[in-house]
Amino acid sequence: MKSVILSALIATLPLVAAPVFAADEINVSNGISAAGAPLAAHGVDLVALVDDGNPVEGFATHSATYDGASYYFTSVANREAFEANPAAYLPQHGGFCSFGVSVGKKFDGDPDQYLVADGKLYLFLNAETRAAFLEDVATTAKTADDQWASIKSIAVGEL
């Protein structure tokens, strides 16, 4: 009887635990940062990127954790700006390549290949995917937003 109950508990564990762990919703590095969460945005200071157009690496000493990911900043002021309004600085589509998302894929988003349009930060795999996105920003951004709703919780390897 104990083995039947144990088997039933083990069998239902994935059903209970699955909603807690979303699959690849934020593009993060492997491993854990000094803040105890995976590092997002390749460690680039998103405030410096959005406000100054400067993709500069931040420091672990100026980190903030948001939605289970760690973000690094170059100063306390930048970290505080992010903490006050994360939505103003977070990249669209979980930091994955926005062009890739528009075609149903989760490619790495490189903060050196970025675009700020209509107050939103978009990251791209490389110069070619950025150029493809720029051909029709409004349409491709809308397509990416629609696709993101479908693929957000799907693991990279399953796409």
C-alpha atoms as a PDB file:
ATOM      1  CA  MET A   1       0.000   0.000   0.000  1.00  0.00           C
ATOM      2  CA  LYS A   2       2.843   2.401   0.855  1.00  0.00           C
ATOM      3  CA  SER A   3       4.414   1.812  -2.544  1.00  0.00           C
ATOM      4  CA  VAL A   4       1.124   2.625  -4.302  1.00  0.00           C
ATOM      5  CA  ILE A   5       0.798   5.899  -2.391  1.00  0.00           C
ATOM      6  CA  LEU A   6       4.447   6.752  -2.979  1.00  0.00           C
ATOM      7  CA  SER A   7       4.093   5.989  -6.695  1.00  0.00           C
ATOM      8  CA  ALA A   8       0.993   8.180  -6.889  1.00  0.00           C
ATOM      9  CA  LEU A   9       2.796  11.055  -5.152  1.00  0.00           C
ATOM     10  CA  ILE A  10       5.808  10.754  -7.429  1.00  0.00           C
ATOM     11  CA  ALA A  11       3.587  10.592 -10.510  1.00  0.00           C
ATOM     12  CA  THR A  12       1.736  13.796  -9.550  1.00  0.00           C
ATOM     13  CA  LEU A  13       4.848  15.758  -8.559  1.00  0.00           C
ATOM     14  CA  PRO A  14       5.493  17.110 -12.081  1.00  0.00           C
ATOM     15  CA  LEU A  15       1.907  18.341 -12.276  1.00  0.00           C
ATOM     16  CA  VAL A  16       2.297  20.282  -9.056  1.00  0.00           C
ATOM     17  CA  ALA A  17       5.847  21.527  -9.648  1.00  0.00           C
ATOM     18  CA  ALA A  18       5.515  22.423 -13.335  1.00  0.00           C
ATOM     19  CA  PRO A  19       3.831  25.809 -12.852  1.00  0.00           C
ATOM     20  CA  VAL A  20       6.584  26.889 -10.452  1.00  0.00           C
ATOM     21  CA  PHE A  21       9.385  26.495 -12.993  1.00  0.00           C
ATOM     22  CA  ALA A  22       8.759  28.195 -16.337  1.00  0.00           C
ATOM     23  CA  ALA A  23      10.875  26.971 -19.232  1.00  0.00           C
ATOM     24  CA  ASP A  24      13.297  29.527 -20.627  1.00  0.00           C
ATOM     25  CA  GLU A  25      11.082  32.604 -20.217  1.00  0.00           C
ATOM     26  CA  ILE A  26      14.118  34.815 -19.667  1.00  0.00           C
ATOM     27  CA  ASN A  27      17.365  34.513 -21.596  1.00  0.00           C
ATOM     28  CA  VAL A  28      19.958  33.852 -18.899  1.00  0.00           C
ATOM     29  CA  SER A  29      23.508  32.554 -18.658  1.00  0.00           C
ATOM     30  CA  ASN A  30      24.217  29.085 -17.326  1.00  0.00           C
ATOM     31  CA  GLY A  31      24.987  28.995 -13.635  1.00  0.00           C
ATOM     32  CA  ILE A  32      24.136  31.338 -10.813  1.00  0.00           C
ATOM     33  CA  SER A  33      25.306  34.930 -10.333  1.00  0.00           C
ATOM     34  CA  ALA A  34      26.639  36.370  -7.079  1.00  0.00           C
ATOM     35  CA  ALA A  35      23.060  37.452  -6.325  1.00  0.00           C
ATOM     36  CA  GLY A  36      21.946  33.796  -6.355  1.00  0.00           C
ATOM     37  CA  ALA A  37      19.966  33.979  -9.604  1.00  0.00           C
ATOM     38  CA  PRO A  38      20.945  33.329 -13.229  1.00  0.00           C
ATOM     39  CA  LEU A  39      22.501  36.342 -14.969  1.00  0.00           C
ATOM     40  CA  ALA A  40      20.368  38.034 -17.639  1.00  0.00           C
ATOM     41  CA  ALA A  41      21.283  40.413 -20.482  1.00  0.00           C
ATOM     42  CA  HIS A  42      24.881  39.098 -20.540  1.00  0.00           C
ATOM     43  CA  GLY A  43      25.537  41.307 -17.507  1.00  0.00           C
ATOM     44  CA  VAL A  44      25.051  44.506 -19.529  1.00  0.00           C
ATOM     45  CA  ASP A  45      23.659  47.520 -17.642  1.00  0.00           C
ATOM     46  CA  LEU A  46      20.185  47.898 -19.189  1.00  0.00           C
ATOM     47  CA  VAL A  47      19.753  51.438 -17.861  1.00  0.00           C
ATOM     48  CA  ALA A  48      22.969  52.571 -19.566  1.00  0.00           C
ATOM     49  CA  LEU A  49      21.844  50.756 -22.719  1.00  0.00           C
ATOM     50  CA  VAL A  50      18.354  52.282 -22.881  1.00  0.00           C
ATOM     51  CA  ASP A  51      19.098  55.763 -21.528  1.00  0.00           C
ATOM     52  CA  ASP A  52      22.570  56.335 -23.007  1.00  0.00           C
ATOM     53  CA  GLY A  53      22.833  53.858 -25.894  1.00  0.00           C
ATOM     54  CA  ASN A  54      25.859  52.390 -24.166  1.00  0.00           C
ATOM     55  CA  PRO A  55      26.064  48.579 -23.934  1.00  0.00           C
ATOM     56  CA  VAL A  56      28.500  48.456 -21.012  1.00  0.00           C
ATOM     57  CA  GLU A  57      28.908  45.565 -18.588  1.00  0.00           C
ATOM     58  CA  GLY A  58      27.647  46.146 -15.075  1.00  0.00           C
ATOM     59  CA  PHE A  59      29.064  44.879 -11.802  1.00  0.00           C
ATOM     60  CA  ALA A  60      27.875  42.188  -9.421  1.00  0.00           C
ATOM     61  CA  THR A  61      28.219  44.724  -6.607  1.00  0.00           C
ATOM     62  CA  HIS A  62      25.392  46.722  -8.223  1.00  0.00           C
ATOM     63  CA  SER A  63      22.958  43.900  -8.988  1.00  0.00           C
ATOM     64  CA  ALA A  64      19.191  43.586  -8.769  1.00  0.00           C
ATOM     65  CA  THR A  65      17.076  40.486  -9.058  1.00  0.00           C
ATOM     66  CA  TYR A  66      13.805  40.710 -10.932  1.00  0.00           C
ATOM     67  CA  ASP A  67      11.475  37.879 -11.909  1.00  0.00           C
ATOM     68  CA  GLY A  68      14.076  35.267 -10.974  1.00  0.00           C
ATOM     69  CA  ALA A  69      16.946  36.754 -12.998  1.00  0.00           C
ATOM     70  CA  SER A  70      19.895  38.873 -11.891  1.00  0.00           C
ATOM     71  CA  TYR A  71      20.786  42.121 -13.665  1.00  0.00           C
ATOM     72  CA  TYR A  72      24.071  43.993 -13.254  1.00  0.00           C
ATOM     73  CA  PHE A  73      24.507  47.770 -13.297  1.00  0.00           C
ATOM     74  CA  THR A  74      27.447  50.161 -13.433  1.00  0.00           C
ATOM     75  CA  SER A  75      26.210  52.281 -10.531  1.00  0.00           C
ATOM     76  CA  VAL A  76      23.824  52.381  -7.609  1.00  0.00           C
ATOM     77  CA  ALA A  77      21.873  55.106  -9.437  1.00  0.00           C
ATOM     78  CA  ASN A  78      21.308  52.842 -12.459  1.00  0.00           C
ATOM     79  CA  ARG A  79      20.287  49.929 -10.240  1.00  0.00           C
ATOM     80  CA  GLU A  80      17.812  52.165  -8.416  1.00  0.00           C
ATOM     81  CA  ALA A  81      16.385  53.453 -11.723  1.00  0.00           C
ATOM     82  CA  PHE A  82      15.821  49.841 -12.821  1.00  0.00           C
ATOM     83  CA  GLU A  83      14.253  48.855  -9.500  1.00  0.00           C
ATOM     84  CA  ALA A  84      11.904  51.866  -9.690  1.00  0.00           C
ATOM     85  CA  ASN A  85      10.639  50.935 -13.167  1.00  0.00           C
ATOM     86  CA  PRO A  86      11.873  47.571 -14.529  1.00  0.00           C
ATOM     87  CA  ALA A  87       9.409  47.637 -17.444  1.00  0.00           C
ATOM     88  CA  ALA A  88      11.188  50.696 -18.849  1.00  0.00           C
ATOM     89  CA  TYR A  89      14.448  48.760 -19.156  1.00  0.00           C
ATOM     90  CA  LEU A  90      13.712  45.061 -19.551  1.00  0.00           C
ATOM     91  CA  PRO A  91      14.213  43.753 -23.074  1.00  0.00           C
ATOM     92  CA  GLN A  92      11.177  42.525 -24.928  1.00  0.00           C
ATOM     93  CA  HIS A  93      10.595  38.788 -25.387  1.00  0.00           C
ATOM     94  CA  GLY A  94      12.538  37.779 -22.302  1.00  0.00           C
ATOM     95  CA  GLY A  95      15.800  39.094 -23.750  1.00  0.00           C
ATOM     96  CA  PHE A  96      15.803  36.606 -26.613  1.00  0.00           C
ATOM     97  CA  CYS A  97      16.372  37.787 -30.188  1.00  0.00           C
ATOM     98  CA  SER A  98      13.166  39.593 -31.129  1.00  0.00           C
ATOM     99  CA  PHE A  99      13.513  38.672 -34.793  1.00  0.00           C
ATOM    100  CA  GLY A 100      13.988  35.028 -33.805  1.00  0.00           C
ATOM    101  CA  VAL A 101      10.863  35.188 -31.656  1.00  0.00           C
ATOM    102  CA  SER A 102       8.946  36.567 -34.652  1.00  0.00           C
ATOM    103  CA  VAL A 103       9.683  33.295 -36.461  1.00  0.00           C
ATOM    104  CA  GLY A 104       8.954  31.137 -33.425  1.00  0.00           C
ATOM    105  CA  LYS A 105      12.512  30.630 -32.121  1.00  0.00           C
ATOM    106  CA  LYS A 106      14.423  31.635 -28.995  1.00  0.00           C
ATOM    107  CA  PHE A 107      17.848  32.746 -30.205  1.00  0.00           C
ATOM    108  CA  ASP A 108      20.297  34.462 -27.885  1.00  0.00           C
ATOM    109  CA  GLY A 109      19.803  38.216 -27.559  1.00  0.00           C
ATOM    110  CA  ASP A 110      23.095  40.127 -27.752  1.00  0.00           C
ATOM    111  CA  PRO A 111      22.972  43.530 -26.010  1.00  0.00           C
ATOM    112  CA  ASP A 112      25.537  44.809 -28.534  1.00  0.00           C
ATOM    113  CA  GLN A 113      22.852  44.269 -31.201  1.00  0.00           C
ATOM    114  CA  TYR A 114      19.881  46.227 -29.930  1.00  0.00           C
ATOM    115  CA  LEU A 115      17.168  48.699 -30.830  1.00  0.00           C
ATOM    116  CA  VAL A 116      15.097  51.018 -28.667  1.00  0.00           C
ATOM    117  CA  ALA A 117      11.837  51.792 -30.458  1.00  0.00           C
ATOM    118  CA  ASP A 118       8.640  53.216 -29.004  1.00  0.00           C
ATOM    119  CA  GLY A 119      10.182  53.029 -25.549  1.00  0.00           C
ATOM    120  CA  LYS A 120      10.901  49.294 -25.840  1.00  0.00           C
ATOM    121  CA  LEU A 121      14.256  47.525 -25.860  1.00  0.00           C
ATOM    122  CA  TYR A 122      14.745  44.793 -28.461  1.00  0.00           C
ATOM    123  CA  LEU A 123      17.799  42.519 -28.568  1.00  0.00           C
ATOM    124  CA  PHE A 124      19.040  40.529 -31.564  1.00  0.00           C
ATOM    125  CA  LEU A 125      21.229  37.535 -32.263  1.00  0.00           C
ATOM    126  CA  ASN A 126      23.473  39.456 -34.666  1.00  0.00           C
ATOM    127  CA  ALA A 127      23.585  42.344 -37.135  1.00  0.00           C
ATOM    128  CA  GLU A 128      21.697  40.335 -39.767  1.00  0.00           C
ATOM    129  CA  THR A 129      18.675  39.627 -37.544  1.00  0.00           C
ATOM    130  CA  ARG A 130      18.697  43.256 -36.397  1.00  0.00           C
ATOM    131  CA  ALA A 131      18.682  44.409 -40.034  1.00  0.00           C
ATOM    132  CA  ALA A 132      15.813  42.037 -40.852  1.00  0.00           C
ATOM    133  CA  PHE A 133      13.816  43.422 -37.908  1.00  0.00           C
ATOM    134  CA  LEU A 134      14.506  46.996 -39.039  1.00  0.00           C
ATOM    135  CA  GLU A 135      12.957  46.323 -42.458  1.00  0.00           C
ATOM    136  CA  ASP A 136       9.505  46.627 -40.853  1.00  0.00           C
ATOM    137  CA  VAL A 137       9.770  47.302 -37.130  1.00  0.00           C
ATOM    138  CA  ALA A 138       6.046  47.687 -36.403  1.00  0.00           C
ATOM    139  CA  THR A 139       4.959  44.511 -38.202  1.00  0.00           C
ATOM    140  CA  THR A 140       7.854  42.371 -36.993  1.00  0.00           C
ATOM    141  CA  ALA A 141       7.447  43.602 -33.397  1.00  0.00           C
ATOM    142  CA  LYS A 142       3.723  42.748 -33.500  1.00  0.00           C
ATOM    143  CA  THR A 143       4.469  39.310 -34.956  1.00  0.00           C
ATOM    144  CA  ALA A 144       7.095  38.743 -32.256  1.00  0.00           C
ATOM    145  CA  ASP A 145       4.646  39.801 -29.537  1.00  0.00           C
ATOM    146  CA  ASP A 146       2.034  37.386 -30.901  1.00  0.00           C
ATOM    147  CA  GLN A 147       4.572  34.552 -31.166  1.00  0.00           C
ATOM    148  CA  TRP A 148       5.937  35.263 -27.681  1.00  0.00           C
ATOM    149  CA  ALA A 149       2.521  34.584 -26.192  1.00  0.00           C
ATOM    150  CA  SER A 150       2.714  31.103 -27.763  1.00  0.00           C
ATOM    151  CA  ILE A 151       6.353  30.198 -27.101  1.00  0.00           C
ATOM    152  CA  LYS A 152       7.159  32.023 -23.849  1.00  0.00           C
ATOM    153  CA  SER A 153       6.864  28.922 -21.659  1.00  0.00           C
ATOM    154  CA  ILE A 154       8.342  26.458 -24.141  1.00  0.00           C
ATOM    155  CA  ALA A 155      11.937  25.354 -23.561  1.00  0.00           C
ATOM    156  CA  VAL A 156      14.472  26.482 -26.150  1.00  0.00           C
ATOM    157  CA  GLY A 157      15.245  22.909 -27.152  1.00  0.00           C
ATOM    158  CA  GLU A 158      11.599  22.188 -27.919  1.00  0.00           C
ATOM    159  CA  LEU A 159      11.222  24.922 -30.536  1.00  0.00           C
END
